[in-house]
Amino acid sequence: MFAIPGQSPVTLTPAAVDQIARLMSRENAAGFRIGVKKGGCAGMEYTMEVAQEAGPMDIVVEDGPARVLIAPMAQMFLLGTEIDYETGLLESGFKFRNPNVTEACGCGESIKFKDMPEAG
């Protein structure tokens, strides 16, 4: 839908590939769906869930054993994003390095995207 031919809309670090593959295996899932929704103090939040099948409009990104499904409404917001999985002393989780984000709240859970140009 919003993909650039010949380019993956998102890239995965080796740590993200390993964690997504683990989640898929544990849940016997066909993929790991990522999306965005309204919410949080900055206006938008990422969503993540294991998926039993790809939707008809999902963009599918495969990297080794990991399969990421990008929900249709999230595709334009995720172009150029690197997805990582970080393990720390107090918390572990997926990190999105997204060039389209202009602001993030202090806790890092919600984001704001660049304004999209109006068609005119």
PDB file of N, CA and C in Angstrom:
ATOM      1  N   MET A   1       0.834  -1.190   0.000  1.00  0.00           N
ATOM      2  CA  MET A   1       0.000   0.000   0.000  1.00  0.00           C
ATOM      3  C   MET A   1       0.879   1.254   0.000  1.00  0.00           C
ATOM      4  N   PHE A   2       1.755   1.403   1.020  1.00  0.00           N
ATOM      5  CA  PHE A   2       2.636   2.559   1.080  1.00  0.00           C
ATOM      6  C   PHE A   2       4.097   2.165   0.933  1.00  0.00           C
ATOM      7  N   ALA A   3       4.372   0.917   0.614  1.00  0.00           N
ATOM      8  CA  ALA A   3       5.749   0.453   0.513  1.00  0.00           C
ATOM      9  C   ALA A   3       6.419   1.018  -0.730  1.00  0.00           C
ATOM     10  N   ILE A   4       7.747   1.149  -0.646  1.00  0.00           N
ATOM     11  CA  ILE A   4       8.535   1.556  -1.796  1.00  0.00           C
ATOM     12  C   ILE A   4       9.017   0.271  -2.468  1.00  0.00           C
ATOM     13  N   PRO A   5       8.716   0.064  -3.739  1.00  0.00           N
ATOM     14  CA  PRO A   5       9.103  -1.186  -4.395  1.00  0.00           C
ATOM     15  C   PRO A   5      10.592  -1.476  -4.221  1.00  0.00           C
ATOM     16  N   GLY A   6      10.884  -2.709  -3.821  1.00  0.00           N
ATOM     17  CA  GLY A   6      12.262  -3.128  -3.650  1.00  0.00           C
ATOM     18  C   GLY A   6      12.876  -2.772  -2.306  1.00  0.00           C
ATOM     19  N   GLN A   7      12.149  -2.048  -1.452  1.00  0.00           N
ATOM     20  CA  GLN A   7      12.658  -1.674  -0.137  1.00  0.00           C
ATOM     21  C   GLN A   7      11.727  -2.194   0.947  1.00  0.00           C
ATOM     22  N   SER A   8      12.325  -2.671   2.021  1.00  0.00           N
ATOM     23  CA  SER A   8      11.533  -3.093   3.166  1.00  0.00           C
ATOM     24  C   SER A   8      11.102  -1.847   3.930  1.00  0.00           C
ATOM     25  N   PRO A   9       9.837  -1.729   4.315  1.00  0.00           N
ATOM     26  CA  PRO A   9       9.391  -0.537   5.038  1.00  0.00           C
ATOM     27  C   PRO A   9      10.000  -0.436   6.433  1.00  0.00           C
ATOM     28  N   VAL A  10      10.327  -1.579   7.046  1.00  0.00           N
ATOM     29  CA  VAL A  10      10.985  -1.590   8.349  1.00  0.00           C
ATOM     30  C   VAL A  10      12.165  -2.547   8.287  1.00  0.00           C
ATOM     31  N   THR A  11      13.144  -2.315   9.168  1.00  0.00           N
ATOM     32  CA  THR A  11      14.253  -3.249   9.317  1.00  0.00           C
ATOM     33  C   THR A  11      14.258  -3.758  10.750  1.00  0.00           C
ATOM     34  N   LEU A  12      14.810  -4.943  10.926  1.00  0.00           N
ATOM     35  CA  LEU A  12      14.867  -5.579  12.232  1.00  0.00           C
ATOM     36  C   LEU A  12      16.322  -5.810  12.623  1.00  0.00           C
ATOM     37  N   THR A  13      16.653  -5.516  13.874  1.00  0.00           N
ATOM     38  CA  THR A  13      17.982  -5.847  14.371  1.00  0.00           C
ATOM     39  C   THR A  13      18.005  -7.354  14.670  1.00  0.00           C
ATOM     40  N   PRO A  14      19.191  -7.938  14.793  1.00  0.00           N
ATOM     41  CA  PRO A  14      19.254  -9.363  15.158  1.00  0.00           C
ATOM     42  C   PRO A  14      18.523  -9.679  16.467  1.00  0.00           C
ATOM     43  N   ALA A  15      18.582  -8.781  17.445  1.00  0.00           N
ATOM     44  CA  ALA A  15      17.875  -9.002  18.712  1.00  0.00           C
ATOM     45  C   ALA A  15      16.364  -9.029  18.495  1.00  0.00           C
ATOM     46  N   ALA A  16      15.851  -8.155  17.635  1.00  0.00           N
ATOM     47  CA  ALA A  16      14.415  -8.142  17.333  1.00  0.00           C
ATOM     48  C   ALA A  16      14.010  -9.411  16.585  1.00  0.00           C
ATOM     49  N   VAL A  17      14.840  -9.839  15.635  1.00  0.00           N
ATOM     50  CA  VAL A  17      14.557 -11.082  14.901  1.00  0.00           C
ATOM     51  C   VAL A  17      14.434 -12.243  15.884  1.00  0.00           C
ATOM     52  N   ASP A  18      15.395 -12.359  16.806  1.00  0.00           N
ATOM     53  CA  ASP A  18      15.378 -13.453  17.785  1.00  0.00           C
ATOM     54  C   ASP A  18      14.133 -13.414  18.655  1.00  0.00           C
ATOM     55  N   GLN A  19      13.772 -12.230  19.158  1.00  0.00           N
ATOM     56  CA  GLN A  19      12.616 -12.125  20.054  1.00  0.00           C
ATOM     57  C   GLN A  19      11.306 -12.383  19.313  1.00  0.00           C
ATOM     58  N   ILE A  20      11.167 -11.852  18.113  1.00  0.00           N
ATOM     59  CA  ILE A  20       9.942 -12.089  17.328  1.00  0.00           C
ATOM     60  C   ILE A  20       9.813 -13.569  17.002  1.00  0.00           C
ATOM     61  N   ALA A  21      10.922 -14.207  16.618  1.00  0.00           N
ATOM     62  CA  ALA A  21      10.897 -15.645  16.318  1.00  0.00           C
ATOM     63  C   ALA A  21      10.493 -16.444  17.557  1.00  0.00           C
ATOM     64  N   ARG A  22      11.001 -16.064  18.739  1.00  0.00           N
ATOM     65  CA  ARG A  22      10.622 -16.738  19.988  1.00  0.00           C
ATOM     66  C   ARG A  22       9.125 -16.598  20.262  1.00  0.00           C
ATOM     67  N   LEU A  23       8.611 -15.383  20.099  1.00  0.00           N
ATOM     68  CA  LEU A  23       7.179 -15.154  20.339  1.00  0.00           C
ATOM     69  C   LEU A  23       6.320 -15.925  19.348  1.00  0.00           C
ATOM     70  N   MET A  24       6.726 -15.923  18.083  1.00  0.00           N
ATOM     71  CA  MET A  24       5.973 -16.663  17.071  1.00  0.00           C
ATOM     72  C   MET A  24       5.955 -18.153  17.384  1.00  0.00           C
ATOM     73  N   SER A  25       7.108 -18.695  17.780  1.00  0.00           N
ATOM     74  CA  SER A  25       7.204 -20.114  18.093  1.00  0.00           C
ATOM     75  C   SER A  25       6.356 -20.473  19.313  1.00  0.00           C
ATOM     76  N   ARG A  26       6.461 -19.648  20.360  1.00  0.00           N
ATOM     77  CA  ARG A  26       5.716 -19.900  21.595  1.00  0.00           C
ATOM     78  C   ARG A  26       4.215 -19.891  21.359  1.00  0.00           C
ATOM     79  N   GLU A  27       3.748 -18.987  20.511  1.00  0.00           N
ATOM     80  CA  GLU A  27       2.310 -18.834  20.256  1.00  0.00           C
ATOM     81  C   GLU A  27       1.844 -19.590  19.007  1.00  0.00           C
ATOM     82  N   ASN A  28       2.784 -20.288  18.348  1.00  0.00           N
ATOM     83  CA  ASN A  28       2.467 -20.977  17.095  1.00  0.00           C
ATOM     84  C   ASN A  28       1.791 -20.011  16.118  1.00  0.00           C
ATOM     85  N   ALA A  29       2.392 -18.825  15.974  1.00  0.00           N
ATOM     86  CA  ALA A  29       1.798 -17.737  15.200  1.00  0.00           C
ATOM     87  C   ALA A  29       2.426 -17.647  13.811  1.00  0.00           C
ATOM     88  N   ALA A  30       1.676 -17.050  12.909  1.00  0.00           N
ATOM     89  CA  ALA A  30       2.148 -16.832  11.538  1.00  0.00           C
ATOM     90  C   ALA A  30       2.987 -15.567  11.427  1.00  0.00           C
ATOM     91  N   GLY A  31       2.890 -14.682  12.415  1.00  0.00           N
ATOM     92  CA  GLY A  31       3.638 -13.435  12.354  1.00  0.00           C
ATOM     93  C   GLY A  31       3.395 -12.580  13.575  1.00  0.00           C
ATOM     94  N   PHE A  32       4.037 -11.429  13.554  1.00  0.00           N
ATOM     95  CA  PHE A  32       3.961 -10.457  14.645  1.00  0.00           C
ATOM     96  C   PHE A  32       3.476  -9.158  14.024  1.00  0.00           C
ATOM     97  N   ARG A  33       2.228  -8.754  14.315  1.00  0.00           N
ATOM     98  CA  ARG A  33       1.629  -7.572  13.691  1.00  0.00           C
ATOM     99  C   ARG A  33       1.965  -6.315  14.488  1.00  0.00           C
ATOM    100  N   ILE A  34       2.416  -5.290  13.758  1.00  0.00           N
ATOM    101  CA  ILE A  34       2.655  -3.997  14.391  1.00  0.00           C
ATOM    102  C   ILE A  34       1.743  -2.964  13.748  1.00  0.00           C
ATOM    103  N   GLY A  35       1.349  -1.996  14.550  1.00  0.00           N
ATOM    104  CA  GLY A  35       0.469  -0.946  14.059  1.00  0.00           C
ATOM    105  C   GLY A  35       0.606   0.298  14.920  1.00  0.00           C
ATOM    106  N   VAL A  36      -0.262   1.250  14.706  1.00  0.00           N
ATOM    107  CA  VAL A  36      -0.330   2.455  15.528  1.00  0.00           C
ATOM    108  C   VAL A  36      -1.794   2.735  15.845  1.00  0.00           C
ATOM    109  N   LYS A  37      -2.005   3.393  16.980  1.00  0.00           N
ATOM    110  CA  LYS A  37      -3.360   3.800  17.356  1.00  0.00           C
ATOM    111  C   LYS A  37      -3.272   5.124  18.096  1.00  0.00           C
ATOM    112  N   LYS A  38      -4.399   5.824  18.154  1.00  0.00           N
ATOM    113  CA  LYS A  38      -4.453   7.069  18.915  1.00  0.00           C
ATOM    114  C   LYS A  38      -4.385   6.739  20.392  1.00  0.00           C
ATOM    115  N   GLY A  39      -3.622   7.564  21.123  1.00  0.00           N
ATOM    116  CA  GLY A  39      -3.541   7.354  22.558  1.00  0.00           C
ATOM    117  C   GLY A  39      -2.251   7.908  23.118  1.00  0.00           C
ATOM    118  N   GLY A  40      -2.163   7.908  24.435  1.00  0.00           N
ATOM    119  CA  GLY A  40      -0.968   8.392  25.112  1.00  0.00           C
ATOM    120  C   GLY A  40      -0.894   9.905  25.122  1.00  0.00           C
ATOM    121  N   CYS A  41       0.070  10.421  25.871  1.00  0.00           N
ATOM    122  CA  CYS A  41       0.164  11.872  26.031  1.00  0.00           C
ATOM    123  C   CYS A  41       0.710  12.583  24.797  1.00  0.00           C
ATOM    124  N   ALA A  42       1.408  11.880  23.899  1.00  0.00           N
ATOM    125  CA  ALA A  42       1.914  12.517  22.689  1.00  0.00           C
ATOM    126  C   ALA A  42       0.966  12.332  21.496  1.00  0.00           C
ATOM    127  N   GLY A  43      -0.058  11.492  21.643  1.00  0.00           N
ATOM    128  CA  GLY A  43      -1.074  11.384  20.606  1.00  0.00           C
ATOM    129  C   GLY A  43      -1.211  10.041  19.918  1.00  0.00           C
ATOM    130  N   MET A  44      -0.110   9.269  19.792  1.00  0.00           N
ATOM    131  CA  MET A  44      -0.170   7.972  19.111  1.00  0.00           C
ATOM    132  C   MET A  44       0.662   6.958  19.891  1.00  0.00           C
ATOM    133  N   GLU A  45       0.311   5.683  19.739  1.00  0.00           N
ATOM    134  CA  GLU A  45       1.049   4.604  20.378  1.00  0.00           C
ATOM    135  C   GLU A  45       1.241   3.478  19.378  1.00  0.00           C
ATOM    136  N   TYR A  46       2.345   2.762  19.524  1.00  0.00           N
ATOM    137  CA  TYR A  46       2.553   1.560  18.722  1.00  0.00           C
ATOM    138  C   TYR A  46       1.722   0.429  19.310  1.00  0.00           C
ATOM    139  N   THR A  47       1.247  -0.471  18.451  1.00  0.00           N
ATOM    140  CA  THR A  47       0.577  -1.683  18.903  1.00  0.00           C
ATOM    141  C   THR A  47       1.377  -2.872  18.394  1.00  0.00           C
ATOM    142  N   MET A  48       1.361  -3.954  19.157  1.00  0.00           N
ATOM    143  CA  MET A  48       2.066  -5.174  18.781  1.00  0.00           C
ATOM    144  C   MET A  48       1.247  -6.360  19.254  1.00  0.00           C
ATOM    145  N   GLU A  49       1.123  -7.352  18.383  1.00  0.00           N
ATOM    146  CA  GLU A  49       0.395  -8.561  18.757  1.00  0.00           C
ATOM    147  C   GLU A  49       0.845  -9.716  17.878  1.00  0.00           C
ATOM    148  N   VAL A  50       0.778 -10.924  18.416  1.00  0.00           N
ATOM    149  CA  VAL A  50       1.036 -12.086  17.578  1.00  0.00           C
ATOM    150  C   VAL A  50      -0.191 -12.292  16.705  1.00  0.00           C
ATOM    151  N   ALA A  51       0.024 -12.754  15.492  1.00  0.00           N
ATOM    152  CA  ALA A  51      -1.080 -12.908  14.541  1.00  0.00           C
ATOM    153  C   ALA A  51      -1.087 -14.327  13.981  1.00  0.00           C
ATOM    154  N   GLN A  52      -2.259 -14.877  13.845  1.00  0.00           N
ATOM    155  CA  GLN A  52      -2.386 -16.228  13.313  1.00  0.00           C
ATOM    156  C   GLN A  52      -2.359 -16.270  11.786  1.00  0.00           C
ATOM    157  N   GLU A  53      -2.606 -15.102  11.160  1.00  0.00           N
ATOM    158  CA  GLU A  53      -2.517 -15.025   9.702  1.00  0.00           C
ATOM    159  C   GLU A  53      -2.348 -13.575   9.285  1.00  0.00           C
ATOM    160  N   ALA A  54      -1.795 -13.389   8.101  1.00  0.00           N
ATOM    161  CA  ALA A  54      -1.634 -12.038   7.557  1.00  0.00           C
ATOM    162  C   ALA A  54      -2.977 -11.557   7.030  1.00  0.00           C
ATOM    163  N   GLY A  55      -3.253 -10.275   7.244  1.00  0.00           N
ATOM    164  CA  GLY A  55      -4.447  -9.669   6.683  1.00  0.00           C
ATOM    165  C   GLY A  55      -4.234  -9.391   5.202  1.00  0.00           C
ATOM    166  N   PRO A  56      -5.304  -9.215   4.445  1.00  0.00           N
ATOM    167  CA  PRO A  56      -5.174  -9.027   2.998  1.00  0.00           C
ATOM    168  C   PRO A  56      -4.422  -7.756   2.600  1.00  0.00           C
ATOM    169  N   MET A  57      -4.392  -6.752   3.476  1.00  0.00           N
ATOM    170  CA  MET A  57      -3.697  -5.502   3.163  1.00  0.00           C
ATOM    171  C   MET A  57      -2.402  -5.314   3.962  1.00  0.00           C
ATOM    172  N   ASP A  58      -2.044  -6.303   4.788  1.00  0.00           N
ATOM    173  CA  ASP A  58      -0.809  -6.222   5.557  1.00  0.00           C
ATOM    174  C   ASP A  58       0.397  -6.250   4.627  1.00  0.00           C
ATOM    175  N   ILE A  59       1.427  -5.492   4.976  1.00  0.00           N
ATOM    176  CA  ILE A  59       2.734  -5.649   4.335  1.00  0.00           C
ATOM    177  C   ILE A  59       3.484  -6.670   5.168  1.00  0.00           C
ATOM    178  N   VAL A  60       4.059  -7.675   4.520  1.00  0.00           N
ATOM    179  CA  VAL A  60       4.777  -8.735   5.214  1.00  0.00           C
ATOM    180  C   VAL A  60       6.273  -8.516   5.049  1.00  0.00           C
ATOM    181  N   VAL A  61       6.985  -8.446   6.174  1.00  0.00           N
ATOM    182  CA  VAL A  61       8.439  -8.304   6.179  1.00  0.00           C
ATOM    183  C   VAL A  61       9.006  -9.550   6.835  1.00  0.00           C
ATOM    184  N   GLU A  62       9.825 -10.293   6.083  1.00  0.00           N
ATOM    185  CA  GLU A  62      10.436 -11.504   6.617  1.00  0.00           C
ATOM    186  C   GLU A  62      11.942 -11.302   6.739  1.00  0.00           C
ATOM    187  N   ASP A  63      12.465 -11.703   7.892  1.00  0.00           N
ATOM    188  CA  ASP A  63      13.901 -11.620   8.153  1.00  0.00           C
ATOM    189  C   ASP A  63      14.269 -12.888   8.908  1.00  0.00           C
ATOM    190  N   GLY A  64      14.852 -13.848   8.207  1.00  0.00           N
ATOM    191  CA  GLY A  64      15.148 -15.140   8.829  1.00  0.00           C
ATOM    192  C   GLY A  64      13.861 -15.775   9.316  1.00  0.00           C
ATOM    193  N   PRO A  65      13.834 -16.211  10.589  1.00  0.00           N
ATOM    194  CA  PRO A  65      12.631 -16.858  11.120  1.00  0.00           C
ATOM    195  C   PRO A  65      11.543 -15.878  11.564  1.00  0.00           C
ATOM    196  N   ALA A  66      11.834 -14.578  11.540  1.00  0.00           N
ATOM    197  CA  ALA A  66      10.869 -13.571  12.006  1.00  0.00           C
ATOM    198  C   ALA A  66      10.015 -13.078  10.846  1.00  0.00           C
ATOM    199  N   ARG A  67       8.747 -12.907  11.134  1.00  0.00           N
ATOM    200  CA  ARG A  67       7.798 -12.399  10.135  1.00  0.00           C
ATOM    201  C   ARG A  67       6.982 -11.287  10.781  1.00  0.00           C
ATOM    202  N   VAL A  68       7.135 -10.062  10.254  1.00  0.00           N
ATOM    203  CA  VAL A  68       6.414  -8.899  10.765  1.00  0.00           C
ATOM    204  C   VAL A  68       5.319  -8.537   9.779  1.00  0.00           C
ATOM    205  N   LEU A  69       4.127  -8.315  10.304  1.00  0.00           N
ATOM    206  CA  LEU A  69       2.971  -7.912   9.504  1.00  0.00           C
ATOM    207  C   LEU A  69       2.658  -6.468   9.865  1.00  0.00           C
ATOM    208  N   ILE A  70       2.678  -5.599   8.879  1.00  0.00           N
ATOM    209  CA  ILE A  70       2.412  -4.186   9.155  1.00  0.00           C
ATOM    210  C   ILE A  70       0.973  -3.882   8.778  1.00  0.00           C
ATOM    211  N   ALA A  71       0.201  -3.488   9.780  1.00  0.00           N
ATOM    212  CA  ALA A  71      -1.203  -3.178   9.589  1.00  0.00           C
ATOM    213  C   ALA A  71      -1.371  -2.031   8.597  1.00  0.00           C
ATOM    214  N   PRO A  72      -2.437  -2.052   7.791  1.00  0.00           N
ATOM    215  CA  PRO A  72      -2.612  -1.047   6.741  1.00  0.00           C
ATOM    216  C   PRO A  72      -2.545   0.406   7.220  1.00  0.00           C
ATOM    217  N   MET A  73      -3.182   0.734   8.335  1.00  0.00           N
ATOM    218  CA  MET A  73      -3.205   2.120   8.800  1.00  0.00           C
ATOM    219  C   MET A  73      -1.857   2.586   9.347  1.00  0.00           C
ATOM    220  N   ALA A  74      -0.935   1.651   9.601  1.00  0.00           N
ATOM    221  CA  ALA A  74       0.364   2.013  10.168  1.00  0.00           C
ATOM    222  C   ALA A  74       1.448   2.164   9.109  1.00  0.00           C
ATOM    223  N   GLN A  75       1.191   1.706   7.907  1.00  0.00           N
ATOM    224  CA  GLN A  75       2.240   1.607   6.905  1.00  0.00           C
ATOM    225  C   GLN A  75       2.934   2.930   6.628  1.00  0.00           C
ATOM    226  N   MET A  76       2.205   4.002   6.441  1.00  0.00           N
ATOM    227  CA  MET A  76       2.841   5.277   6.114  1.00  0.00           C
ATOM    228  C   MET A  76       3.610   5.855   7.300  1.00  0.00           C
ATOM    229  N   PHE A  77       3.244   5.480   8.523  1.00  0.00           N
ATOM    230  CA  PHE A  77       3.923   5.989   9.710  1.00  0.00           C
ATOM    231  C   PHE A  77       5.211   5.229  10.023  1.00  0.00           C
ATOM    232  N   LEU A  78       5.351   4.012   9.502  1.00  0.00           N
ATOM    233  CA  LEU A  78       6.474   3.157   9.859  1.00  0.00           C
ATOM    234  C   LEU A  78       7.577   3.094   8.809  1.00  0.00           C
ATOM    235  N   LEU A  79       7.412   3.747   7.679  1.00  0.00           N
ATOM    236  CA  LEU A  79       8.441   3.707   6.637  1.00  0.00           C
ATOM    237  C   LEU A  79       9.779   4.183   7.199  1.00  0.00           C
ATOM    238  N   GLY A  80      10.811   3.369   7.021  1.00  0.00           N
ATOM    239  CA  GLY A  80      12.149   3.732   7.473  1.00  0.00           C
ATOM    240  C   GLY A  80      12.454   3.381   8.914  1.00  0.00           C
ATOM    241  N   THR A  81      11.539   2.713   9.600  1.00  0.00           N
ATOM    242  CA  THR A  81      11.714   2.399  11.017  1.00  0.00           C
ATOM    243  C   THR A  81      12.613   1.183  11.225  1.00  0.00           C
ATOM    244  N   GLU A  82      13.494   1.287  12.215  1.00  0.00           N
ATOM    245  CA  GLU A  82      14.272   0.133  12.672  1.00  0.00           C
ATOM    246  C   GLU A  82      13.644  -0.350  13.969  1.00  0.00           C
ATOM    247  N   ILE A  83      13.376  -1.649  14.040  1.00  0.00           N
ATOM    248  CA  ILE A  83      12.809  -2.245  15.239  1.00  0.00           C
ATOM    249  C   ILE A  83      13.908  -3.048  15.926  1.00  0.00           C
ATOM    250  N   ASP A  84      14.102  -2.777  17.209  1.00  0.00           N
ATOM    251  CA  ASP A  84      15.126  -3.444  18.005  1.00  0.00           C
ATOM    252  C   ASP A  84      14.454  -4.056  19.232  1.00  0.00           C
ATOM    253  N   TYR A  85      15.152  -4.959  19.882  1.00  0.00           N
ATOM    254  CA  TYR A  85      14.704  -5.483  21.168  1.00  0.00           C
ATOM    255  C   TYR A  85      15.845  -5.283  22.134  1.00  0.00           C
ATOM    256  N   GLU A  86      15.595  -4.533  23.198  1.00  0.00           N
ATOM    257  CA  GLU A  86      16.634  -4.218  24.171  1.00  0.00           C
ATOM    258  C   GLU A  86      16.306  -4.854  25.510  1.00  0.00           C
ATOM    259  N   THR A  87      17.327  -5.384  26.143  1.00  0.00           N
ATOM    260  CA  THR A  87      17.192  -5.978  27.469  1.00  0.00           C
ATOM    261  C   THR A  87      18.019  -5.155  28.432  1.00  0.00           C
ATOM    262  N   GLY A  88      17.366  -4.640  29.463  1.00  0.00           N
ATOM    263  CA  GLY A  88      18.047  -3.816  30.455  1.00  0.00           C
ATOM    264  C   GLY A  88      17.868  -4.382  31.845  1.00  0.00           C
ATOM    265  N   LEU A  89      18.472  -3.721  32.798  1.00  0.00           N
ATOM    266  CA  LEU A  89      18.399  -4.159  34.188  1.00  0.00           C
ATOM    267  C   LEU A  89      16.975  -4.068  34.725  1.00  0.00           C
ATOM    268  N   LEU A  90      16.254  -3.007  34.373  1.00  0.00           N
ATOM    269  CA  LEU A  90      14.908  -2.800  34.905  1.00  0.00           C
ATOM    270  C   LEU A  90      13.785  -3.125  33.939  1.00  0.00           C
ATOM    271  N   GLU A  91      14.074  -3.090  32.640  1.00  0.00           N
ATOM    272  CA  GLU A  91      13.020  -3.370  31.678  1.00  0.00           C
ATOM    273  C   GLU A  91      13.594  -3.914  30.386  1.00  0.00           C
ATOM    274  N   SER A  92      12.779  -4.647  29.676  1.00  0.00           N
ATOM    275  CA  SER A  92      13.133  -5.165  28.359  1.00  0.00           C
ATOM    276  C   SER A  92      11.952  -4.928  27.440  1.00  0.00           C
ATOM    277  N   GLY A  93      12.231  -4.684  26.170  1.00  0.00           N
ATOM    278  CA  GLY A  93      11.128  -4.492  25.242  1.00  0.00           C
ATOM    279  C   GLY A  93      11.584  -4.040  23.881  1.00  0.00           C
ATOM    280  N   PHE A  94      10.619  -3.964  22.992  1.00  0.00           N
ATOM    281  CA  PHE A  94      10.883  -3.513  21.635  1.00  0.00           C
ATOM    282  C   PHE A  94      11.076  -2.005  21.618  1.00  0.00           C
ATOM    283  N   LYS A  95      12.019  -1.547  20.822  1.00  0.00           N
ATOM    284  CA  LYS A  95      12.283  -0.127  20.626  1.00  0.00           C
ATOM    285  C   LYS A  95      12.137   0.177  19.141  1.00  0.00           C
ATOM    286  N   PHE A  96      11.424   1.234  18.842  1.00  0.00           N
ATOM    287  CA  PHE A  96      11.213   1.666  17.468  1.00  0.00           C
ATOM    288  C   PHE A  96      12.046   2.912  17.220  1.00  0.00           C
ATOM    289  N   ARG A  97      12.967   2.837  16.283  1.00  0.00           N
ATOM    290  CA  ARG A  97      13.742   4.013  15.870  1.00  0.00           C
ATOM    291  C   ARG A  97      13.120   4.481  14.556  1.00  0.00           C
ATOM    292  N   ASN A  98      12.245   5.464  14.696  1.00  0.00           N
ATOM    293  CA  ASN A  98      11.384   5.868  13.588  1.00  0.00           C
ATOM    294  C   ASN A  98      11.714   7.301  13.166  1.00  0.00           C
ATOM    295  N   PRO A  99      12.180   7.496  11.918  1.00  0.00           N
ATOM    296  CA  PRO A  99      12.521   8.849  11.464  1.00  0.00           C
ATOM    297  C   PRO A  99      11.316   9.762  11.281  1.00  0.00           C
ATOM    298  N   ASN A 100      10.113   9.212  11.337  1.00  0.00           N
ATOM    299  CA  ASN A 100       8.892  10.000  11.155  1.00  0.00           C
ATOM    300  C   ASN A 100       8.367  10.592  12.460  1.00  0.00           C
ATOM    301  N   VAL A 101       8.974  10.238  13.585  1.00  0.00           N
ATOM    302  CA  VAL A 101       8.526  10.720  14.893  1.00  0.00           C
ATOM    303  C   VAL A 101       9.160  12.081  15.182  1.00  0.00           C
ATOM    304  N   THR A 102       8.328  13.030  15.581  1.00  0.00           N
ATOM    305  CA  THR A 102       8.829  14.361  15.918  1.00  0.00           C
ATOM    306  C   THR A 102       8.871  14.599  17.426  1.00  0.00           C
ATOM    307  N   GLU A 103       8.042  13.881  18.183  1.00  0.00           N
ATOM    308  CA  GLU A 103       8.000  14.042  19.640  1.00  0.00           C
ATOM    309  C   GLU A 103       7.673  12.701  20.272  1.00  0.00           C
ATOM    310  N   ALA A 104       8.158  12.530  21.492  1.00  0.00           N
ATOM    311  CA  ALA A 104       7.793  11.360  22.286  1.00  0.00           C
ATOM    312  C   ALA A 104       7.575  11.830  23.717  1.00  0.00           C
ATOM    313  N   CYS A 105       6.681  11.176  24.420  1.00  0.00           N
ATOM    314  CA  CYS A 105       6.439  11.558  25.808  1.00  0.00           C
ATOM    315  C   CYS A 105       7.616  11.106  26.668  1.00  0.00           C
ATOM    316  N   GLY A 106       7.681  11.582  27.865  1.00  0.00           N
ATOM    317  CA  GLY A 106       8.786  11.276  28.766  1.00  0.00           C
ATOM    318  C   GLY A 106       8.950   9.795  29.055  1.00  0.00           C
ATOM    319  N   CYS A 107       7.868   9.072  29.121  1.00  0.00           N
ATOM    320  CA  CYS A 107       7.967   7.639  29.421  1.00  0.00           C
ATOM    321  C   CYS A 107       8.324   6.827  28.177  1.00  0.00           C
ATOM    322  N   GLY A 108       8.251   7.448  26.995  1.00  0.00           N
ATOM    323  CA  GLY A 108       8.612   6.757  25.771  1.00  0.00           C
ATOM    324  C   GLY A 108       7.529   5.855  25.210  1.00  0.00           C
ATOM    325  N   GLU A 109       6.344   5.881  25.782  1.00  0.00           N
ATOM    326  CA  GLU A 109       5.277   4.996  25.341  1.00  0.00           C
ATOM    327  C   GLU A 109       4.416   5.576  24.223  1.00  0.00           C
ATOM    328  N   SER A 110       4.412   6.886  24.057  1.00  0.00           N
ATOM    329  CA  SER A 110       3.601   7.458  22.988  1.00  0.00           C
ATOM    330  C   SER A 110       4.432   8.429  22.160  1.00  0.00           C
ATOM    331  N   ILE A 111       3.980   8.651  20.930  1.00  0.00           N
ATOM    332  CA  ILE A 111       4.741   9.428  19.972  1.00  0.00           C
ATOM    333  C   ILE A 111       3.843  10.358  19.175  1.00  0.00           C
ATOM    334  N   LYS A 112       4.478  11.307  18.511  1.00  0.00           N
ATOM    335  CA  LYS A 112       3.787  12.190  17.579  1.00  0.00           C
ATOM    336  C   LYS A 112       4.562  12.129  16.272  1.00  0.00           C
ATOM    337  N   PHE A 113       3.838  12.066  15.163  1.00  0.00           N
ATOM    338  CA  PHE A 113       4.453  11.965  13.846  1.00  0.00           C
ATOM    339  C   PHE A 113       4.496  13.316  13.153  1.00  0.00           C
ATOM    340  N   LYS A 114       5.385  13.409  12.168  1.00  0.00           N
ATOM    341  CA  LYS A 114       5.452  14.593  11.315  1.00  0.00           C
ATOM    342  C   LYS A 114       4.089  14.794  10.672  1.00  0.00           C
ATOM    343  N   ASP A 115       3.710  16.044  10.495  1.00  0.00           N
ATOM    344  CA  ASP A 115       2.478  16.325   9.773  1.00  0.00           C
ATOM    345  C   ASP A 115       2.645  15.895   8.323  1.00  0.00           C
ATOM    346  N   MET A 116       1.637  15.251   7.808  1.00  0.00           N
ATOM    347  CA  MET A 116       1.660  14.820   6.412  1.00  0.00           C
ATOM    348  C   MET A 116       1.196  15.979   5.536  1.00  0.00           C
ATOM    349  N   PRO A 117       1.853  16.204   4.391  1.00  0.00           N
ATOM    350  CA  PRO A 117       1.407  17.292   3.501  1.00  0.00           C
ATOM    351  C   PRO A 117       0.008  17.014   2.986  1.00  0.00           C
ATOM    352  N   GLU A 118      -0.756  18.076   2.884  1.00  0.00           N
ATOM    353  CA  GLU A 118      -2.124  17.971   2.376  1.00  0.00           C
ATOM    354  C   GLU A 118      -2.105  17.862   0.857  1.00  0.00           C
ATOM    355  N   ALA A 119      -2.969  17.037   0.319  1.00  0.00           N
ATOM    356  CA  ALA A 119      -3.089  16.938  -1.142  1.00  0.00           C
ATOM    357  C   ALA A 119      -3.750  18.211  -1.640  1.00  0.00           C
ATOM    358  N   GLY A 120      -3.216  18.756  -2.680  1.00  0.00           N
ATOM    359  CA  GLY A 120      -3.818  20.007  -3.105  1.00  0.00           C
ATOM    360  C   GLY A 120      -3.628  20.241  -4.494  1.00  0.00           C
TER     361      GLY A 120
END
